[in-house]
Amino acid sequence: MSGVRSGHVSVEALERVVFGIAANTAVCDEAARYGAQRIFVLSTRSLAGQAAGPFERVVAALGARCVGSFSAISAHSRREDVIAAAAKVRATAADLLVAIGGGSVIDATKAIQLCLWLGLDTADAMDPYFGEGARVAVAPRDPIRMIAVPTTLSAAEFTSTAGINNSLTRTKEMVGHRLFVPRSVILDPAATLATPEGLFLSTGIRAVDHAAESYCSPLANPATEALSLQGLRLLGRSLPRIKAQPDDLEARLEAQFGAWQAVAAVSAGAGVGASHGIGYVLGGSYGVAHGHTSCVMLAAVLRWNAVVNAERQRALARALGSADRPAADLVAELVAALDLPGSLRAVNIAHGSFDDIAGRALGYEPVRMNPRPVRGPADVREILELAW
């Protein structure tokens, strides 16, 4: 219709979010609801090695229903880890997956589902489902699904896409299917106590990045805008509380809700921009921790974008509690207050790498969807200089 805004809002195939209940109890309850009898648990070595941690508590509570586990998923969800885990799951004839951990574990488990559905058993066999012109996976009639117990604020558990690292090309590749998203998500703030403080808080800034970039996105709409701003409000007030009092479970739960609301706007169709796109290069090609990429890039991208979306950014500043100050300054101050790295230098990115980063970044859709058009490598370099 002429003069009427148009677009779409996507709704994920997530069925339930259980919050404020111990993960070991909630996982057992949700597994019973789905009639699962053979449950396979996925996590990381660090979580699996913690006595009385969330991994150990869930496995113990499942008892004989736990038919196996895999805890060798590394940062950035490598294809090789996905294939190795899928082989282990396949051998157990599991009927439900439980992912316990942060974005790397949860994204890897999404791709593990793909491998199980389609019988993929090598890293190369995954090629057709990634990149330009990717083949759309067809799920079997009764596909194996997962439950997620997040221990960070990256909020991968609320999306149907996964970022998987290709070791050969040193790139992060995206793959998606509407049934990749967990059937149930368990928000247990006590489970997040197992996560090192710096990692947990840095993923909180990742969630702030979701909120800021989705609100400023050219694809934002009234349905997503409310989610973005509410997520940002919750995160802006809860993260400093967690820093001041790490065992404040109410603040941790509030941050979990904030991360959920922020990424819900992204999943609904608002998308993200150059902070995320450049971050994919920093993580996938240069090994920068997932949350740290947002710590060093978001403020710089907001500064670079301000010439085209100053009014939008004022709304972000209001959500962060200071309407009369630049949103970029507030984000940078929040990063500093949480004792997180705030520059490319702080995460060991050399100035001489800028040309390579700029060239790689242009291959990522979020960079092409940035509210201020990124027209070439020179524009990316300008942003990198602001982050230097």
Protein backbone atom coordinates (compact mmCIF):
# COMPACT_ATOMS: atom_id res chain seq x y z
CA MET A 1 0.00 0.00 0.00
CA SER A 2 1.33 3.39 -0.93
CA GLY A 3 2.77 5.32 2.00
CA VAL A 4 2.46 2.42 4.44
CA ARG A 5 5.51 0.83 5.97
CA SER A 6 5.94 -2.83 5.04
CA GLY A 7 8.07 -5.70 6.28
CA HIS A 8 7.76 -8.87 8.31
CA VAL A 9 8.12 -10.17 11.84
CA SER A 10 9.50 -13.70 12.26
CA VAL A 11 8.43 -15.87 15.18
CA GLU A 12 10.82 -18.55 16.41
CA ALA A 13 9.79 -22.18 16.97
CA LEU A 14 10.65 -21.88 20.67
CA GLU A 15 7.94 -23.45 22.82
CA ARG A 16 8.78 -22.55 26.42
CA VAL A 17 11.07 -20.41 28.55
CA VAL A 18 11.41 -21.63 32.13
CA PHE A 19 12.98 -19.13 34.52
CA GLY A 20 14.10 -18.98 38.12
CA ILE A 21 14.05 -22.77 38.56
CA ALA A 22 17.20 -24.85 39.08
CA ALA A 23 18.45 -26.19 35.75
CA ASN A 24 18.67 -29.78 36.94
CA THR A 25 15.00 -29.76 37.94
CA ALA A 26 13.81 -27.83 34.89
CA VAL A 27 15.70 -30.00 32.37
CA CYS A 28 14.19 -33.17 33.83
CA ASP A 29 10.72 -31.65 33.80
CA GLU A 30 11.01 -30.44 30.21
CA ALA A 31 12.45 -33.75 29.00
CA ALA A 32 9.48 -35.54 30.58
CA ARG A 33 7.07 -33.13 28.89
CA TYR A 34 8.57 -34.07 25.53
CA GLY A 35 8.59 -37.77 26.30
CA ALA A 36 12.37 -38.02 25.91
CA GLN A 37 14.02 -41.17 27.24
CA ARG A 38 17.56 -40.97 25.78
CA ILE A 39 19.16 -37.62 26.46
CA PHE A 40 22.61 -36.46 25.32
CA VAL A 41 24.29 -33.50 27.06
CA LEU A 42 26.72 -31.10 25.32
CA SER A 43 28.99 -28.56 26.97
CA THR A 44 32.60 -27.38 27.32
CA ARG A 45 35.53 -28.88 29.18
CA SER A 46 35.55 -25.99 31.64
CA LEU A 47 31.92 -26.51 32.64
CA ALA A 48 32.15 -30.31 32.63
CA GLY A 49 35.17 -30.10 34.93
CA GLN A 50 33.41 -28.10 37.63
CA ALA A 51 32.41 -30.13 40.66
CA ALA A 52 28.74 -29.44 41.44
CA GLY A 53 28.54 -27.13 38.40
CA PRO A 54 25.48 -26.95 36.12
CA PHE A 55 26.75 -29.72 33.82
CA GLU A 56 27.35 -32.15 36.66
CA ARG A 57 24.04 -31.31 38.34
CA VAL A 58 22.02 -31.85 35.17
CA VAL A 59 23.76 -35.13 34.28
CA ALA A 60 23.23 -36.41 37.83
CA ALA A 61 19.57 -35.44 37.83
CA LEU A 62 18.94 -37.18 34.51
CA GLY A 63 20.48 -40.40 35.81
CA ALA A 64 20.01 -43.35 33.46
CA ARG A 65 18.18 -41.15 30.95
CA CYS A 66 21.53 -39.49 30.13
CA VAL A 67 22.98 -41.78 27.45
CA GLY A 68 26.12 -39.75 26.81
CA SER A 69 27.87 -36.41 26.86
CA PHE A 70 30.38 -34.40 24.82
CA SER A 71 32.34 -31.58 26.41
CA ALA A 72 34.99 -30.75 23.81
CA ILE A 73 33.21 -27.86 22.07
CA SER A 74 35.65 -24.98 21.76
CA ALA A 75 35.18 -21.24 21.25
CA HIS A 76 33.60 -20.08 17.99
CA SER A 77 31.95 -23.49 17.31
CA ARG A 78 34.41 -25.16 14.95
CA ARG A 79 33.06 -27.47 12.25
CA GLU A 80 35.36 -30.23 13.49
CA ASP A 81 33.77 -30.08 16.96
CA VAL A 82 30.30 -30.28 15.42
CA ILE A 83 31.16 -33.38 13.40
CA ALA A 84 32.87 -35.10 16.36
CA ALA A 85 29.93 -34.41 18.66
CA ALA A 86 27.36 -35.52 16.06
CA ALA A 87 29.17 -38.85 15.72
CA LYS A 88 28.99 -39.40 19.48
CA VAL A 89 25.30 -38.53 19.60
CA ARG A 90 24.52 -40.74 16.61
CA ALA A 91 26.09 -43.75 18.33
CA THR A 92 23.76 -43.39 21.33
CA ALA A 93 20.46 -43.10 19.41
CA ALA A 94 19.58 -40.11 21.60
CA ASP A 95 16.13 -38.54 21.26
CA LEU A 96 16.86 -35.16 22.88
CA LEU A 97 19.91 -32.89 23.16
CA VAL A 98 20.68 -30.63 26.11
CA ALA A 99 23.15 -27.80 25.50
CA ILE A 100 24.71 -26.30 28.63
CA GLY A 101 26.96 -23.31 28.10
CA GLY A 102 27.33 -20.14 26.10
CA GLY A 103 26.86 -19.22 22.46
CA SER A 104 29.57 -21.54 21.16
CA VAL A 105 27.99 -24.64 22.71
CA ILE A 106 24.46 -23.67 21.74
CA ASP A 107 25.38 -22.73 18.17
CA ALA A 108 27.37 -25.95 17.81
CA THR A 109 24.36 -27.94 19.00
CA LYS A 110 22.19 -26.28 16.35
CA ALA A 111 24.62 -27.48 13.69
CA ILE A 112 24.80 -30.91 15.35
CA GLN A 113 21.07 -31.18 14.77
CA LEU A 114 21.67 -30.47 11.07
CA CYS A 115 24.28 -33.25 10.88
CA LEU A 116 21.99 -35.72 12.63
CA TRP A 117 18.99 -34.87 10.45
CA LEU A 118 20.91 -35.22 7.19
CA GLY A 119 23.55 -37.81 8.06
CA LEU A 120 26.47 -35.40 7.58
CA ASP A 121 29.67 -36.98 8.90
CA THR A 122 32.53 -34.81 7.62
CA ALA A 123 33.28 -31.09 7.77
CA ASP A 124 33.20 -30.92 3.95
CA ALA A 125 29.73 -32.47 3.89
CA MET A 126 28.47 -29.30 5.59
CA ASP A 127 29.57 -27.07 2.69
CA PRO A 128 26.26 -26.98 0.76
CA TYR A 129 24.40 -25.54 3.76
CA PHE A 130 26.63 -22.49 4.27
CA GLY A 131 27.29 -19.29 2.36
CA GLU A 132 25.78 -17.74 -0.75
CA GLY A 133 23.21 -19.96 -2.41
CA ALA A 134 23.17 -22.32 0.57
CA ARG A 135 20.92 -25.35 0.31
CA VAL A 136 17.92 -25.26 2.64
CA ALA A 137 17.93 -28.28 4.94
CA VAL A 138 14.80 -30.41 5.01
CA ALA A 139 14.22 -31.76 8.50
CA PRO A 140 12.97 -35.33 8.95
CA ARG A 141 9.42 -35.97 10.13
CA ASP A 142 10.39 -36.19 13.81
CA PRO A 143 13.72 -34.35 14.07
CA ILE A 144 15.88 -34.47 17.16
CA ARG A 145 15.70 -31.11 18.97
CA MET A 146 17.32 -29.55 21.98
CA ILE A 147 16.81 -27.88 25.34
CA ALA A 148 19.28 -25.11 26.24
CA VAL A 149 20.67 -24.03 29.60
CA PRO A 150 22.57 -20.80 28.86
CA THR A 151 25.45 -19.81 31.12
CA THR A 152 26.27 -16.53 29.35
CA LEU A 153 24.28 -13.61 27.96
CA SER A 154 25.05 -14.15 24.26
CA ALA A 155 21.40 -15.31 23.83
CA ALA A 156 22.14 -17.82 21.06
CA GLU A 157 19.44 -19.96 22.64
CA PHE A 158 16.77 -17.61 21.34
CA THR A 159 17.77 -17.74 17.66
CA SER A 160 17.44 -20.25 14.85
CA THR A 161 20.78 -19.42 13.24
CA ALA A 162 24.26 -20.63 14.14
CA GLY A 163 27.67 -19.13 13.51
CA ILE A 164 30.10 -21.98 12.80
CA ASN A 165 33.81 -21.44 12.27
CA ASN A 166 35.47 -22.84 9.15
CA SER A 167 39.05 -23.61 10.19
CA LEU A 168 40.28 -23.76 6.60
CA THR A 169 39.12 -20.28 5.61
CA ARG A 170 39.22 -18.76 9.11
CA THR A 171 35.74 -17.40 8.65
CA LYS A 172 32.51 -17.58 10.60
CA GLU A 173 29.74 -19.03 8.45
CA MET A 174 26.04 -18.82 9.17
CA VAL A 175 23.55 -21.65 8.90
CA GLY A 176 19.91 -21.58 9.90
CA HIS A 177 16.69 -23.55 10.16
CA ARG A 178 13.53 -22.64 12.05
CA LEU A 179 13.85 -25.83 14.14
CA PHE A 180 17.42 -25.12 15.23
CA VAL A 181 16.09 -22.98 18.08
CA PRO A 182 15.66 -24.96 21.32
CA ARG A 183 12.23 -26.31 22.19
CA SER A 184 12.75 -25.04 25.74
CA VAL A 185 15.18 -22.56 27.26
CA ILE A 186 16.02 -22.75 30.96
CA LEU A 187 16.98 -19.40 32.47
CA ASP A 188 18.61 -20.43 35.75
CA PRO A 189 20.63 -17.48 37.09
CA ALA A 190 22.47 -19.81 39.48
CA ALA A 191 23.86 -21.71 36.47
CA THR A 192 25.59 -18.53 35.32
CA LEU A 193 27.68 -18.43 38.50
CA ALA A 194 29.87 -21.10 36.89
CA THR A 195 30.95 -18.63 34.20
CA PRO A 196 34.05 -16.47 34.81
CA GLU A 197 33.03 -12.91 35.59
CA GLY A 198 34.80 -11.32 32.63
CA LEU A 199 33.26 -13.76 30.17
CA PHE A 200 29.78 -13.33 31.60
CA LEU A 201 29.91 -9.53 31.60
CA SER A 202 31.43 -9.35 28.12
CA THR A 203 28.54 -11.39 26.74
CA GLY A 204 26.31 -8.88 28.49
CA ILE A 205 27.85 -6.21 26.24
CA ARG A 206 27.17 -8.55 23.33
CA ALA A 207 23.52 -8.41 24.37
CA VAL A 208 23.73 -4.60 24.57
CA ASP A 209 25.06 -4.75 21.00
CA HIS A 210 22.01 -6.80 19.95
CA ALA A 211 19.72 -4.17 21.47
CA ALA A 212 21.51 -1.14 20.03
CA GLU A 213 22.01 -2.46 16.50
CA SER A 214 18.52 -3.94 16.18
CA TYR A 215 16.94 -0.66 17.30
CA CYS A 216 19.04 1.31 14.82
CA SER A 217 18.51 -1.18 11.99
CA PRO A 218 16.80 -0.02 8.79
CA LEU A 219 14.53 -3.07 9.24
CA ALA A 220 13.36 -2.13 12.75
CA ASN A 221 9.61 -1.83 13.22
CA PRO A 222 7.19 -1.15 16.12
CA ALA A 223 7.26 -4.81 17.15
CA THR A 224 11.06 -4.98 17.37
CA GLU A 225 11.71 -1.49 18.71
CA ALA A 226 9.98 -2.16 22.03
CA LEU A 227 11.99 -5.35 22.50
CA SER A 228 15.28 -3.61 21.73
CA LEU A 229 14.72 -0.77 24.17
CA GLN A 230 13.38 -2.95 26.98
CA GLY A 231 16.35 -5.28 26.60
CA LEU A 232 18.73 -2.33 26.74
CA ARG A 233 17.06 -0.89 29.85
CA LEU A 234 17.30 -4.21 31.69
CA LEU A 235 20.92 -4.77 30.70
CA GLY A 236 22.00 -1.20 31.43
CA ARG A 237 20.86 -1.45 35.04
CA SER A 238 21.61 -5.11 35.79
CA LEU A 239 25.18 -5.44 34.50
CA PRO A 240 26.66 -2.87 36.93
CA ARG A 241 24.76 -4.56 39.77
CA ILE A 242 26.31 -7.91 38.85
CA LYS A 243 29.76 -6.34 38.76
CA ALA A 244 29.22 -4.84 42.20
CA GLN A 245 27.65 -7.99 43.70
CA PRO A 246 28.42 -11.11 41.62
CA ASP A 247 26.09 -13.38 43.59
CA ASP A 248 23.01 -11.18 43.03
CA LEU A 249 20.78 -13.77 41.37
CA GLU A 250 17.93 -11.34 40.80
CA ALA A 251 20.25 -9.05 38.82
CA ARG A 252 21.52 -12.04 36.85
CA LEU A 253 17.98 -13.11 36.00
CA GLU A 254 17.15 -9.54 34.95
CA ALA A 255 20.19 -9.58 32.67
CA GLN A 256 19.02 -12.89 31.20
CA PHE A 257 15.64 -11.33 30.43
CA GLY A 258 17.38 -8.31 28.93
CA ALA A 259 19.51 -10.51 26.69
CA TRP A 260 16.38 -12.39 25.61
CA GLN A 261 14.45 -9.23 24.75
CA ALA A 262 17.40 -7.73 22.88
CA VAL A 263 18.04 -10.74 20.67
CA ALA A 264 14.31 -11.30 20.15
CA ALA A 265 14.29 -8.08 18.14
CA VAL A 266 17.11 -9.44 15.98
CA SER A 267 15.37 -12.79 15.46
CA ALA A 268 12.10 -11.09 14.61
CA GLY A 269 13.77 -9.54 11.58
CA ALA A 270 15.43 -6.29 12.66
CA GLY A 271 18.91 -7.68 12.14
CA VAL A 272 22.22 -6.14 13.20
CA GLY A 273 24.90 -3.93 11.69
CA ALA A 274 28.60 -3.27 11.33
CA SER A 275 29.54 -3.92 14.95
CA HIS A 276 28.41 -7.51 14.55
CA GLY A 277 29.78 -7.90 11.03
CA ILE A 278 33.24 -6.63 11.90
CA GLY A 279 33.02 -8.69 15.08
CA TYR A 280 32.59 -11.85 13.01
CA VAL A 281 35.98 -11.14 11.45
CA LEU A 282 37.62 -10.38 14.79
CA GLY A 283 36.27 -13.61 16.24
CA GLY A 284 36.37 -16.01 13.31
CA SER A 285 39.63 -14.84 11.77
CA TYR A 286 41.55 -13.34 14.68
CA GLY A 287 40.35 -15.33 17.68
CA VAL A 288 38.93 -12.43 19.70
CA ALA A 289 36.45 -13.66 22.30
CA HIS A 290 32.80 -13.46 21.24
CA GLY A 291 31.78 -10.86 23.82
CA HIS A 292 34.95 -8.80 23.48
CA THR A 293 34.20 -8.09 19.82
CA SER A 294 31.18 -6.04 20.91
CA CYS A 295 33.13 -4.40 23.72
CA VAL A 296 35.61 -2.96 21.23
CA MET A 297 33.35 -2.29 18.23
CA LEU A 298 29.91 -1.09 19.36
CA ALA A 299 30.86 2.39 20.59
CA ALA A 300 32.97 2.99 17.46
CA VAL A 301 30.15 1.94 15.13
CA LEU A 302 27.66 4.14 17.01
CA ARG A 303 30.01 7.12 16.60
CA TRP A 304 30.43 6.42 12.89
CA ASN A 305 26.68 6.01 12.38
CA ALA A 306 25.63 9.07 14.38
CA VAL A 307 25.59 11.35 11.31
CA VAL A 308 22.60 9.41 9.94
CA ASN A 309 20.72 8.20 13.04
CA ALA A 310 21.29 10.69 15.86
CA GLU A 311 17.62 10.62 16.87
CA ARG A 312 17.63 6.83 17.10
CA GLN A 313 20.74 6.97 19.23
CA ARG A 314 19.07 9.44 21.60
CA ALA A 315 16.50 6.73 22.33
CA LEU A 316 19.35 4.37 23.16
CA ALA A 317 20.81 6.96 25.52
CA ARG A 318 17.44 7.36 27.26
CA ALA A 319 17.23 3.60 27.73
CA LEU A 320 20.70 3.71 29.31
CA GLY A 321 19.56 6.45 31.68
CA SER A 322 21.20 9.62 30.27
CA ALA A 323 19.20 11.13 27.43
CA ASP A 324 21.45 14.18 27.14
CA ARG A 325 24.66 12.24 26.45
CA PRO A 326 25.87 10.40 23.32
CA ALA A 327 24.94 6.72 23.33
CA ALA A 328 28.47 5.84 22.22
CA ASP A 329 29.92 7.50 25.34
CA LEU A 330 27.49 5.63 27.59
CA VAL A 331 28.36 2.30 25.99
CA ALA A 332 32.09 2.99 26.29
CA GLU A 333 31.68 3.97 29.95
CA LEU A 334 29.67 0.82 30.67
CA VAL A 335 32.39 -1.31 29.10
CA ALA A 336 35.03 0.46 31.20
CA ALA A 337 32.96 0.17 34.40
CA LEU A 338 32.80 -3.59 33.87
CA ASP A 339 36.61 -3.76 33.49
CA LEU A 340 36.32 -5.04 29.92
CA PRO A 341 38.57 -4.23 26.93
CA GLY A 342 37.43 -1.13 25.10
CA SER A 343 39.76 -0.90 22.11
CA LEU A 344 41.26 -3.02 19.37
CA ARG A 345 44.66 -2.53 20.98
CA ALA A 346 43.32 -4.06 24.17
CA VAL A 347 42.43 -7.30 22.35
CA ASN A 348 45.79 -7.46 20.56
CA ILE A 349 44.64 -6.45 17.08
CA ALA A 350 47.55 -4.88 15.22
CA HIS A 351 47.03 -1.74 13.17
CA GLY A 352 48.66 -3.56 10.27
CA SER A 353 45.72 -5.98 10.19
CA PHE A 354 43.17 -3.31 9.28
CA ASP A 355 43.29 -3.91 5.53
CA ASP A 356 42.64 -7.63 5.95
CA ILE A 357 39.85 -7.03 8.48
CA ALA A 358 38.22 -4.44 6.22
CA GLY A 359 38.28 -6.75 3.22
CA ARG A 360 36.86 -9.69 5.14
CA ALA A 361 34.16 -7.59 6.84
CA LEU A 362 32.56 -6.61 3.54
CA GLY A 363 31.65 -10.25 3.01
CA TYR A 364 29.28 -10.25 5.99
CA GLU A 365 25.66 -9.24 5.53
CA PRO A 366 25.41 -7.18 8.76
CA VAL A 367 28.07 -4.83 7.40
CA ARG A 368 26.03 -4.40 4.22
CA MET A 369 22.90 -3.75 6.35
CA ASN A 370 24.50 -1.06 8.51
CA PRO A 371 22.25 2.04 8.89
CA ARG A 372 25.00 4.25 7.45
CA PRO A 373 25.98 2.50 4.22
CA VAL A 374 29.45 0.96 4.27
CA ARG A 375 30.60 1.56 0.71
CA GLY A 376 33.98 -0.12 0.76
CA PRO A 377 37.12 -1.02 2.71
CA ALA A 378 37.89 2.63 3.42
CA ASP A 379 34.68 2.99 5.43
CA VAL A 380 35.49 -0.09 7.48
CA ARG A 381 38.96 1.31 8.13
CA GLU A 382 37.37 4.54 9.43
CA ILE A 383 35.38 2.50 11.93
CA LEU A 384 38.46 0.50 12.93
CA GLU A 385 40.38 3.73 13.54
CA LEU A 386 37.60 4.88 15.88
CA ALA A 387 37.94 1.57 17.74
CA TRP A 388 41.75 1.68 17.83
